[in-house]
Amino acid sequence: MTNPDEIPRKPTRILTTGEIEREIAGIRAGLEMGGVPFTAEAETAARSVLSGNLTGDEAIEVAHAAIRRRHGL
């Protein structure tokens, strides 16, 4: 099996505000069609990743930390 770190990737690019809004609308529509609410926290995380402020892994860690705090873990 190929090591994921060895797979060539295109360089990342900066999305425009309009592109980010379209991506957010698509995420919202997909979740709502599946009966899953698009929470304010999820939208904030999505915007952070799409704008390049966080990686996907970092956004997941932020969400996990919030869950652990809420449950006193």
Protein backbone atom coordinates (compact mmCIF):
# COMPACT_ATOMS: atom_id res chain seq x y z
CA MET A 1 0.00 0.00 0.00
CA THR A 2 1.25 3.47 -0.83
CA ASN A 3 2.28 5.75 1.99
CA PRO A 4 -0.20 8.69 1.91
CA ASP A 5 2.67 11.12 2.53
CA GLU A 6 4.31 9.99 -0.72
CA ILE A 7 1.29 10.73 -2.94
CA PRO A 8 2.02 13.81 -5.04
CA ARG A 9 -0.39 16.64 -4.35
CA LYS A 10 -1.15 19.88 -6.09
CA PRO A 11 -0.07 22.98 -4.19
CA THR A 12 -2.80 24.45 -2.04
CA ARG A 13 -4.40 27.67 -3.15
CA ILE A 14 -6.16 30.49 -1.40
CA LEU A 15 -9.93 30.45 -1.89
CA THR A 16 -11.78 33.68 -2.55
CA THR A 17 -14.56 34.79 -0.22
CA GLY A 18 -17.11 33.74 -2.84
CA GLU A 19 -15.55 30.28 -3.19
CA ILE A 20 -15.59 29.81 0.58
CA GLU A 21 -19.27 30.83 0.71
CA ARG A 22 -20.13 28.33 -2.06
CA GLU A 23 -18.26 25.56 -0.24
CA ILE A 24 -20.05 26.41 3.03
CA ALA A 25 -23.42 26.37 1.21
CA GLY A 26 -22.59 22.94 -0.23
CA ILE A 27 -21.56 21.57 3.15
CA ARG A 28 -24.74 22.97 4.72
CA ALA A 29 -26.97 21.52 1.99
CA GLY A 30 -25.33 18.11 2.16
CA LEU A 31 -25.64 17.87 5.92
CA GLU A 32 -29.23 19.13 5.98
CA MET A 33 -30.26 16.68 3.23
CA GLY A 34 -28.90 13.94 5.47
CA GLY A 35 -30.83 15.26 8.45
CA VAL A 36 -27.73 16.54 10.24
CA PRO A 37 -27.78 20.12 11.54
CA PHE A 38 -24.92 22.40 10.49
CA THR A 39 -23.97 23.88 13.86
CA ALA A 40 -22.23 27.19 14.42
CA GLU A 41 -19.19 25.26 15.67
CA ALA A 42 -19.10 23.15 12.50
CA GLU A 43 -19.38 26.24 10.32
CA THR A 44 -16.56 27.94 12.22
CA ALA A 45 -14.36 24.87 11.78
CA ALA A 46 -15.19 24.62 8.07
CA ARG A 47 -14.40 28.29 7.52
CA SER A 48 -11.10 27.94 9.39
CA VAL A 49 -10.04 25.01 7.23
CA LEU A 50 -11.23 26.56 3.95
CA SER A 51 -9.45 29.83 4.71
CA GLY A 52 -6.23 28.00 5.55
CA ASN A 53 -6.13 28.94 9.22
CA LEU A 54 -6.35 25.30 10.37
CA THR A 55 -5.68 21.92 8.80
CA GLY A 56 -8.42 19.33 8.89
CA ASP A 57 -6.53 17.45 11.60
CA GLU A 58 -6.23 20.60 13.69
CA ALA A 59 -9.96 21.33 13.33
CA ILE A 60 -10.76 17.80 14.51
CA GLU A 61 -8.45 18.20 17.51
CA VAL A 62 -10.14 21.51 18.44
CA ALA A 63 -13.55 19.78 18.26
CA HIS A 64 -12.33 16.84 20.36
CA ALA A 65 -10.87 19.21 22.97
CA ALA A 66 -14.22 21.02 23.21
CA ILE A 67 -16.03 17.70 23.70
CA ARG A 68 -13.58 16.65 26.39
CA ARG A 69 -14.03 20.00 28.21
CA ARG A 70 -17.84 19.75 28.01
CA HIS A 71 -17.74 16.29 29.55
CA GLY A 72 -15.06 17.03 32.12
CA LEU A 73 -12.50 14.69 30.60
